[in-house]
């Protein structure tokens, strides 16, 4: 990326943090630092684990699936 893109990205990041820290929390979980980071990570891991389990259960067949018939 060009240097101006990195500078703009840094400015936007700093402004975002300033606005986020000055905002009044509306719910109890907004008072937990980094809550949405943890929530997103746990949600992503849950989607991966559930999709792998469903894939093994409904899509994956035995090795001799076509040989038996």
PDB file of N, CA and C in Angstrom:
ATOM      1  N   UNK A   1       0.842  -1.188   0.000  1.00  0.00           N
ATOM      2  CA  UNK A   1       0.000   0.000   0.000  1.00  0.00           C
ATOM      3  C   UNK A   1       0.880   1.240   0.000  1.00  0.00           C
ATOM      4  N   UNK A   2       0.315   2.274  -0.519  1.00  0.00           N
ATOM      5  CA  UNK A   2       1.053   3.527  -0.549  1.00  0.00           C
ATOM      6  C   UNK A   2       1.111   4.125   0.853  1.00  0.00           C
ATOM      7  N   UNK A   3       2.058   4.992   1.039  1.00  0.00           N
ATOM      8  CA  UNK A   3       2.265   5.619   2.345  1.00  0.00           C
ATOM      9  C   UNK A   3       1.024   6.385   2.808  1.00  0.00           C
ATOM     10  N   UNK A   4       0.341   7.055   1.892  1.00  0.00           N
ATOM     11  CA  UNK A   4      -0.851   7.824   2.266  1.00  0.00           C
ATOM     12  C   UNK A   4      -1.960   6.911   2.785  1.00  0.00           C
ATOM     13  N   UNK A   5      -2.048   5.697   2.247  1.00  0.00           N
ATOM     14  CA  UNK A   5      -3.055   4.756   2.733  1.00  0.00           C
ATOM     15  C   UNK A   5      -2.781   4.356   4.185  1.00  0.00           C
ATOM     16  N   UNK A   6      -1.513   4.120   4.517  1.00  0.00           N
ATOM     17  CA  UNK A   6      -1.160   3.758   5.892  1.00  0.00           C
ATOM     18  C   UNK A   6      -1.434   4.918   6.841  1.00  0.00           C
ATOM     19  N   UNK A   7      -1.149   6.129   6.392  1.00  0.00           N
ATOM     20  CA  UNK A   7      -1.404   7.307   7.230  1.00  0.00           C
ATOM     21  C   UNK A   7      -2.900   7.463   7.477  1.00  0.00           C
ATOM     22  N   UNK A   8      -3.701   7.342   6.419  1.00  0.00           N
ATOM     23  CA  UNK A   8      -5.154   7.443   6.578  1.00  0.00           C
ATOM     24  C   UNK A   8      -5.700   6.328   7.465  1.00  0.00           C
ATOM     25  N   UNK A   9      -5.173   5.121   7.312  1.00  0.00           N
ATOM     26  CA  UNK A   9      -5.601   4.008   8.157  1.00  0.00           C
ATOM     27  C   UNK A   9      -5.287   4.285   9.625  1.00  0.00           C
ATOM     28  N   UNK A  10      -4.110   4.829   9.906  1.00  0.00           N
ATOM     29  CA  UNK A  10      -3.745   5.177  11.282  1.00  0.00           C
ATOM     30  C   UNK A  10      -4.643   6.255  11.857  1.00  0.00           C
ATOM     31  N   UNK A  11      -4.941   7.276  11.068  1.00  0.00           N
ATOM     32  CA  UNK A  11      -5.815   8.360  11.536  1.00  0.00           C
ATOM     33  C   UNK A  11      -7.216   7.829  11.821  1.00  0.00           C
ATOM     34  N   UNK A  12      -7.749   7.020  10.920  1.00  0.00           N
ATOM     35  CA  UNK A  12      -9.085   6.458  11.121  1.00  0.00           C
ATOM     36  C   UNK A  12      -9.117   5.560  12.352  1.00  0.00           C
ATOM     37  N   UNK A  13      -8.067   4.790  12.587  1.00  0.00           N
ATOM     38  CA  UNK A  13      -8.003   3.919  13.758  1.00  0.00           C
ATOM     39  C   UNK A  13      -7.990   4.728  15.046  1.00  0.00           C
ATOM     40  N   UNK A  14      -7.182   5.778  15.095  1.00  0.00           N
ATOM     41  CA  UNK A  14      -7.110   6.624  16.292  1.00  0.00           C
ATOM     42  C   UNK A  14      -8.448   7.304  16.549  1.00  0.00           C
ATOM     43  N   UNK A  15      -9.062   7.849  15.514  1.00  0.00           N
ATOM     44  CA  UNK A  15     -10.362   8.512  15.676  1.00  0.00           C
ATOM     45  C   UNK A  15     -11.411   7.510  16.145  1.00  0.00           C
ATOM     46  N   UNK A  16     -11.372   6.300  15.611  1.00  0.00           N
ATOM     47  CA  UNK A  16     -12.313   5.265  16.028  1.00  0.00           C
ATOM     48  C   UNK A  16     -12.153   4.931  17.511  1.00  0.00           C
ATOM     49  N   UNK A  17     -10.901   4.786  17.969  1.00  0.00           N
ATOM     50  CA  UNK A  17     -10.669   4.509  19.389  1.00  0.00           C
ATOM     51  C   UNK A  17     -11.134   5.663  20.267  1.00  0.00           C
ATOM     52  N   UNK A  18     -10.905   6.891  19.844  1.00  0.00           N
ATOM     53  CA  UNK A  18     -11.328   8.053  20.633  1.00  0.00           C
ATOM     54  C   UNK A  18     -12.845   8.074  20.758  1.00  0.00           C
ATOM     55  N   UNK A  19     -13.556   7.866  19.655  1.00  0.00           N
ATOM     56  CA  UNK A  19     -15.018   7.868  19.714  1.00  0.00           C
ATOM     57  C   UNK A  19     -15.549   6.695  20.520  1.00  0.00           C
ATOM     58  N   UNK A  20     -14.880   5.560  20.449  1.00  0.00           N
ATOM     59  CA  UNK A  20     -15.339   4.395  21.195  1.00  0.00           C
ATOM     60  C   UNK A  20     -15.131   4.576  22.696  1.00  0.00           C
ATOM     61  N   UNK A  21     -14.046   5.195  23.095  1.00  0.00           N
ATOM     62  CA  UNK A  21     -13.765   5.380  24.519  1.00  0.00           C
ATOM     63  C   UNK A  21     -14.621   6.479  25.146  1.00  0.00           C
ATOM     64  N   UNK A  22     -15.106   7.417  24.351  1.00  0.00           N
ATOM     65  CA  UNK A  22     -15.914   8.504  24.912  1.00  0.00           C
ATOM     66  C   UNK A  22     -17.395   8.195  24.887  1.00  0.00           C
ATOM     67  N   UNK A  23     -17.792   7.096  24.282  1.00  0.00           N
ATOM     68  CA  UNK A  23     -19.196   6.736  24.194  1.00  0.00           C
ATOM     69  C   UNK A  23     -19.659   6.125  25.516  1.00  0.00           C
ATOM     70  N   UNK A  24     -20.865   6.496  25.941  1.00  0.00           N
ATOM     71  CA  UNK A  24     -21.437   5.927  27.158  1.00  0.00           C
ATOM     72  C   UNK A  24     -21.946   4.517  26.870  1.00  0.00           C
ATOM     73  N   UNK A  25     -21.588   3.550  27.709  1.00  0.00           N
ATOM     74  CA  UNK A  25     -22.086   2.185  27.482  1.00  0.00           C
ATOM     75  C   UNK A  25     -23.582   2.094  27.793  1.00  0.00           C
ATOM     76  N   UNK A  26     -24.320   1.439  26.905  1.00  0.00           N
ATOM     77  CA  UNK A  26     -25.759   1.281  27.100  1.00  0.00           C
ATOM     78  C   UNK A  26     -26.094  -0.037  27.791  1.00  0.00           C
ATOM     79  N   UNK A  27     -25.232  -1.020  27.635  1.00  0.00           N
ATOM     80  CA  UNK A  27     -25.480  -2.339  28.210  1.00  0.00           C
ATOM     81  C   UNK A  27     -24.284  -2.738  29.068  1.00  0.00           C
ATOM     82  N   UNK A  28     -24.480  -3.713  29.959  1.00  0.00           N
ATOM     83  CA  UNK A  28     -23.417  -4.099  30.890  1.00  0.00           C
ATOM     84  C   UNK A  28     -22.217  -4.685  30.166  1.00  0.00           C
ATOM     85  N   UNK A  29     -22.435  -5.377  29.049  1.00  0.00           N
ATOM     86  CA  UNK A  29     -21.308  -6.012  28.359  1.00  0.00           C
ATOM     87  C   UNK A  29     -20.441  -5.005  27.611  1.00  0.00           C
ATOM     88  N   UNK A  30     -20.937  -3.829  27.380  1.00  0.00           N
ATOM     89  CA  UNK A  30     -20.127  -2.803  26.726  1.00  0.00           C
ATOM     90  C   UNK A  30     -19.078  -2.224  27.675  1.00  0.00           C
ATOM     91  N   UNK A  31     -19.202  -2.499  28.964  1.00  0.00           N
ATOM     92  CA  UNK A  31     -18.202  -2.041  29.938  1.00  0.00           C
ATOM     93  C   UNK A  31     -16.992  -2.971  29.989  1.00  0.00           C
ATOM     94  N   UNK A  32     -17.110  -4.172  29.440  1.00  0.00           N
ATOM     95  CA  UNK A  32     -16.006  -5.133  29.429  1.00  0.00           C
ATOM     96  C   UNK A  32     -15.053  -4.757  28.298  1.00  0.00           C
ATOM     97  N   UNK A  33     -13.791  -4.470  28.616  1.00  0.00           N
ATOM     98  CA  UNK A  33     -12.848  -4.093  27.555  1.00  0.00           C
ATOM     99  C   UNK A  33     -12.630  -5.239  26.564  1.00  0.00           C
ATOM    100  N   UNK A  34     -12.775  -4.945  25.292  1.00  0.00           N
ATOM    101  CA  UNK A  34     -12.549  -5.933  24.249  1.00  0.00           C
ATOM    102  C   UNK A  34     -13.638  -6.980  24.125  1.00  0.00           C
ATOM    103  N   UNK A  35     -14.832  -6.691  24.643  1.00  0.00           N
ATOM    104  CA  UNK A  35     -15.907  -7.686  24.626  1.00  0.00           C
ATOM    105  C   UNK A  35     -16.231  -8.141  23.213  1.00  0.00           C
ATOM    106  N   UNK A  36     -16.347  -7.206  22.289  1.00  0.00           N
ATOM    107  CA  UNK A  36     -16.737  -7.570  20.929  1.00  0.00           C
ATOM    108  C   UNK A  36     -15.636  -8.352  20.216  1.00  0.00           C
ATOM    109  N   UNK A  37     -14.398  -8.157  20.610  1.00  0.00           N
ATOM    110  CA  UNK A  37     -13.304  -8.959  20.061  1.00  0.00           C
ATOM    111  C   UNK A  37     -13.461 -10.415  20.508  1.00  0.00           C
ATOM    112  N   UNK A  38     -13.677 -10.614  21.801  1.00  0.00           N
ATOM    113  CA  UNK A  38     -13.849 -11.969  22.328  1.00  0.00           C
ATOM    114  C   UNK A  38     -15.121 -12.613  21.780  1.00  0.00           C
ATOM    115  N   UNK A  39     -16.193 -11.844  21.720  1.00  0.00           N
ATOM    116  CA  UNK A  39     -17.471 -12.343  21.221  1.00  0.00           C
ATOM    117  C   UNK A  39     -17.341 -12.794  19.766  1.00  0.00           C
ATOM    118  N   UNK A  40     -16.672 -12.003  18.956  1.00  0.00           N
ATOM    119  CA  UNK A  40     -16.470 -12.359  17.556  1.00  0.00           C
ATOM    120  C   UNK A  40     -15.604 -13.589  17.394  1.00  0.00           C
ATOM    121  N   UNK A  41     -14.538 -13.684  18.191  1.00  0.00           N
ATOM    122  CA  UNK A  41     -13.648 -14.843  18.110  1.00  0.00           C
ATOM    123  C   UNK A  41     -14.369 -16.115  18.531  1.00  0.00           C
ATOM    124  N   UNK A  42     -15.088 -16.063  19.649  1.00  0.00           N
ATOM    125  CA  UNK A  42     -15.816 -17.240  20.126  1.00  0.00           C
ATOM    126  C   UNK A  42     -16.905 -17.628  19.127  1.00  0.00           C
ATOM    127  N   UNK A  43     -17.586 -16.634  18.551  1.00  0.00           N
ATOM    128  CA  UNK A  43     -18.600 -16.925  17.542  1.00  0.00           C
ATOM    129  C   UNK A  43     -18.010 -17.585  16.315  1.00  0.00           C
ATOM    130  N   UNK A  44     -16.856 -17.117  15.875  1.00  0.00           N
ATOM    131  CA  UNK A  44     -16.185 -17.696  14.709  1.00  0.00           C
ATOM    132  C   UNK A  44     -15.767 -19.136  14.987  1.00  0.00           C
ATOM    133  N   UNK A  45     -15.202 -19.382  16.147  1.00  0.00           N
ATOM    134  CA  UNK A  45     -14.800 -20.747  16.513  1.00  0.00           C
ATOM    135  C   UNK A  45     -16.027 -21.652  16.597  1.00  0.00           C
ATOM    136  N   UNK A  46     -17.125 -21.141  17.148  1.00  0.00           N
ATOM    137  CA  UNK A  46     -18.349 -21.943  17.246  1.00  0.00           C
ATOM    138  C   UNK A  46     -18.886 -22.298  15.864  1.00  0.00           C
ATOM    139  N   UNK A  47     -18.868 -21.344  14.931  1.00  0.00           N
ATOM    140  CA  UNK A  47     -19.330 -21.629  13.573  1.00  0.00           C
ATOM    141  C   UNK A  47     -18.466 -22.707  12.929  1.00  0.00           C
ATOM    142  N   UNK A  48     -17.156 -22.635  13.119  1.00  0.00           N
ATOM    143  CA  UNK A  48     -16.252 -23.626  12.531  1.00  0.00           C
ATOM    144  C   UNK A  48     -16.502 -25.006  13.129  1.00  0.00           C
ATOM    145  N   UNK A  49     -16.608 -25.086  14.450  1.00  0.00           N
ATOM    146  CA  UNK A  49     -16.806 -26.383  15.110  1.00  0.00           C
ATOM    147  C   UNK A  49     -18.150 -26.989  14.713  1.00  0.00           C
ATOM    148  N   UNK A  50     -19.203 -26.187  14.706  1.00  0.00           N
ATOM    149  CA  UNK A  50     -20.533 -26.695  14.356  1.00  0.00           C
ATOM    150  C   UNK A  50     -20.579 -27.136  12.900  1.00  0.00           C
ATOM    151  N   UNK A  51     -19.980 -26.357  12.007  1.00  0.00           N
ATOM    152  CA  UNK A  51     -20.009 -26.735  10.589  1.00  0.00           C
ATOM    153  C   UNK A  51     -19.193 -28.000  10.332  1.00  0.00           C
ATOM    154  N   UNK A  52     -18.084 -28.176  11.033  1.00  0.00           N
ATOM    155  CA  UNK A  52     -17.305 -29.409  10.878  1.00  0.00           C
ATOM    156  C   UNK A  52     -18.102 -30.609  11.390  1.00  0.00           C
ATOM    157  N   UNK A  53     -18.792 -30.441  12.514  1.00  0.00           N
ATOM    158  CA  UNK A  53     -19.590 -31.540  13.057  1.00  0.00           C
ATOM    159  C   UNK A  53     -20.737 -31.898  12.114  1.00  0.00           C
ATOM    160  N   UNK A  54     -21.410 -30.886  11.574  1.00  0.00           N
ATOM    161  CA  UNK A  54     -22.497 -31.153  10.634  1.00  0.00           C
ATOM    162  C   UNK A  54     -21.971 -31.787   9.349  1.00  0.00           C
ATOM    163  N   UNK A  55     -20.819 -31.346   8.895  1.00  0.00           N
ATOM    164  CA  UNK A  55     -20.226 -31.925   7.693  1.00  0.00           C
ATOM    165  C   UNK A  55     -19.867 -33.382   7.884  1.00  0.00           C
ATOM    166  N   UNK A  56     -19.300 -33.711   9.032  1.00  0.00           N
ATOM    167  CA  UNK A  56     -18.959 -35.111   9.303  1.00  0.00           C
ATOM    168  C   UNK A  56     -20.217 -35.959   9.445  1.00  0.00           C
ATOM    169  N   UNK A  57     -21.247 -35.380  10.020  1.00  0.00           N
ATOM    170  CA  UNK A  57     -22.479 -36.135  10.270  1.00  0.00           C
ATOM    171  C   UNK A  57     -23.270 -36.384   8.990  1.00  0.00           C
ATOM    172  N   UNK A  58     -23.435 -35.362   8.154  1.00  0.00           N
ATOM    173  CA  UNK A  58     -24.352 -35.471   7.027  1.00  0.00           C
ATOM    174  C   UNK A  58     -23.679 -35.591   5.661  1.00  0.00           C
ATOM    175  N   UNK A  59     -22.468 -35.104   5.493  1.00  0.00           N
ATOM    176  CA  UNK A  59     -21.850 -35.074   4.170  1.00  0.00           C
ATOM    177  C   UNK A  59     -20.808 -36.168   3.994  1.00  0.00           C
ATOM    178  N   UNK A  60     -19.940 -36.355   4.975  1.00  0.00           N
ATOM    179  CA  UNK A  60     -18.845 -37.317   4.843  1.00  0.00           C
ATOM    180  C   UNK A  60     -19.389 -38.747   4.869  1.00  0.00           C
ATOM    181  N   UNK A  61     -18.917 -39.550   3.935  1.00  0.00           N
ATOM    182  CA  UNK A  61     -19.335 -40.953   3.848  1.00  0.00           C
ATOM    183  C   UNK A  61     -18.165 -41.859   4.222  1.00  0.00           C
ATOM    184  N   UNK A  62     -18.463 -43.122   4.494  1.00  0.00           N
ATOM    185  CA  UNK A  62     -17.415 -44.097   4.793  1.00  0.00           C
ATOM    186  C   UNK A  62     -16.525 -44.301   3.573  1.00  0.00           C
ATOM    187  N   UNK A  63     -15.322 -44.828   3.805  1.00  0.00           N
ATOM    188  CA  UNK A  63     -14.381 -45.046   2.708  1.00  0.00           C
ATOM    189  C   UNK A  63     -14.909 -46.051   1.691  1.00  0.00           C
ATOM    190  N   UNK A  64     -15.637 -47.057   2.138  1.00  0.00           N
ATOM    191  CA  UNK A  64     -16.146 -48.080   1.219  1.00  0.00           C
ATOM    192  C   UNK A  64     -17.608 -47.828   0.834  1.00  0.00           C
ATOM    193  N   UNK A  65     -18.046 -46.612   0.854  1.00  0.00           N
ATOM    194  CA  UNK A  65     -19.445 -46.269   0.570  1.00  0.00           C
ATOM    195  C   UNK A  65     -19.850 -46.723  -0.829  1.00  0.00           C
ATOM    196  N   UNK A  66     -19.010 -46.477  -1.829  1.00  0.00           N
ATOM    197  CA  UNK A  66     -19.349 -46.839  -3.201  1.00  0.00           C
ATOM    198  C   UNK A  66     -19.031 -48.303  -3.511  1.00  0.00           C
ATOM    199  N   UNK A  67     -18.179 -48.934  -2.743  1.00  0.00           N
ATOM    200  CA  UNK A  67     -17.827 -50.330  -2.981  1.00  0.00           C
ATOM    201  C   UNK A  67     -18.913 -51.288  -2.504  1.00  0.00           C
ATOM    202  N   UNK A  68     -19.665 -50.916  -1.503  1.00  0.00           N
ATOM    203  CA  UNK A  68     -20.673 -51.789  -0.910  1.00  0.00           C
ATOM    204  C   UNK A  68     -21.824 -52.003  -1.880  1.00  0.00           C
ATOM    205  N   UNK A  69     -22.193 -51.019  -2.619  1.00  0.00           N
ATOM    206  CA  UNK A  69     -23.350 -51.115  -3.515  1.00  0.00           C
ATOM    207  C   UNK A  69     -23.072 -51.953  -4.676  1.00  0.00           C
TER     208      UNK A  69
END
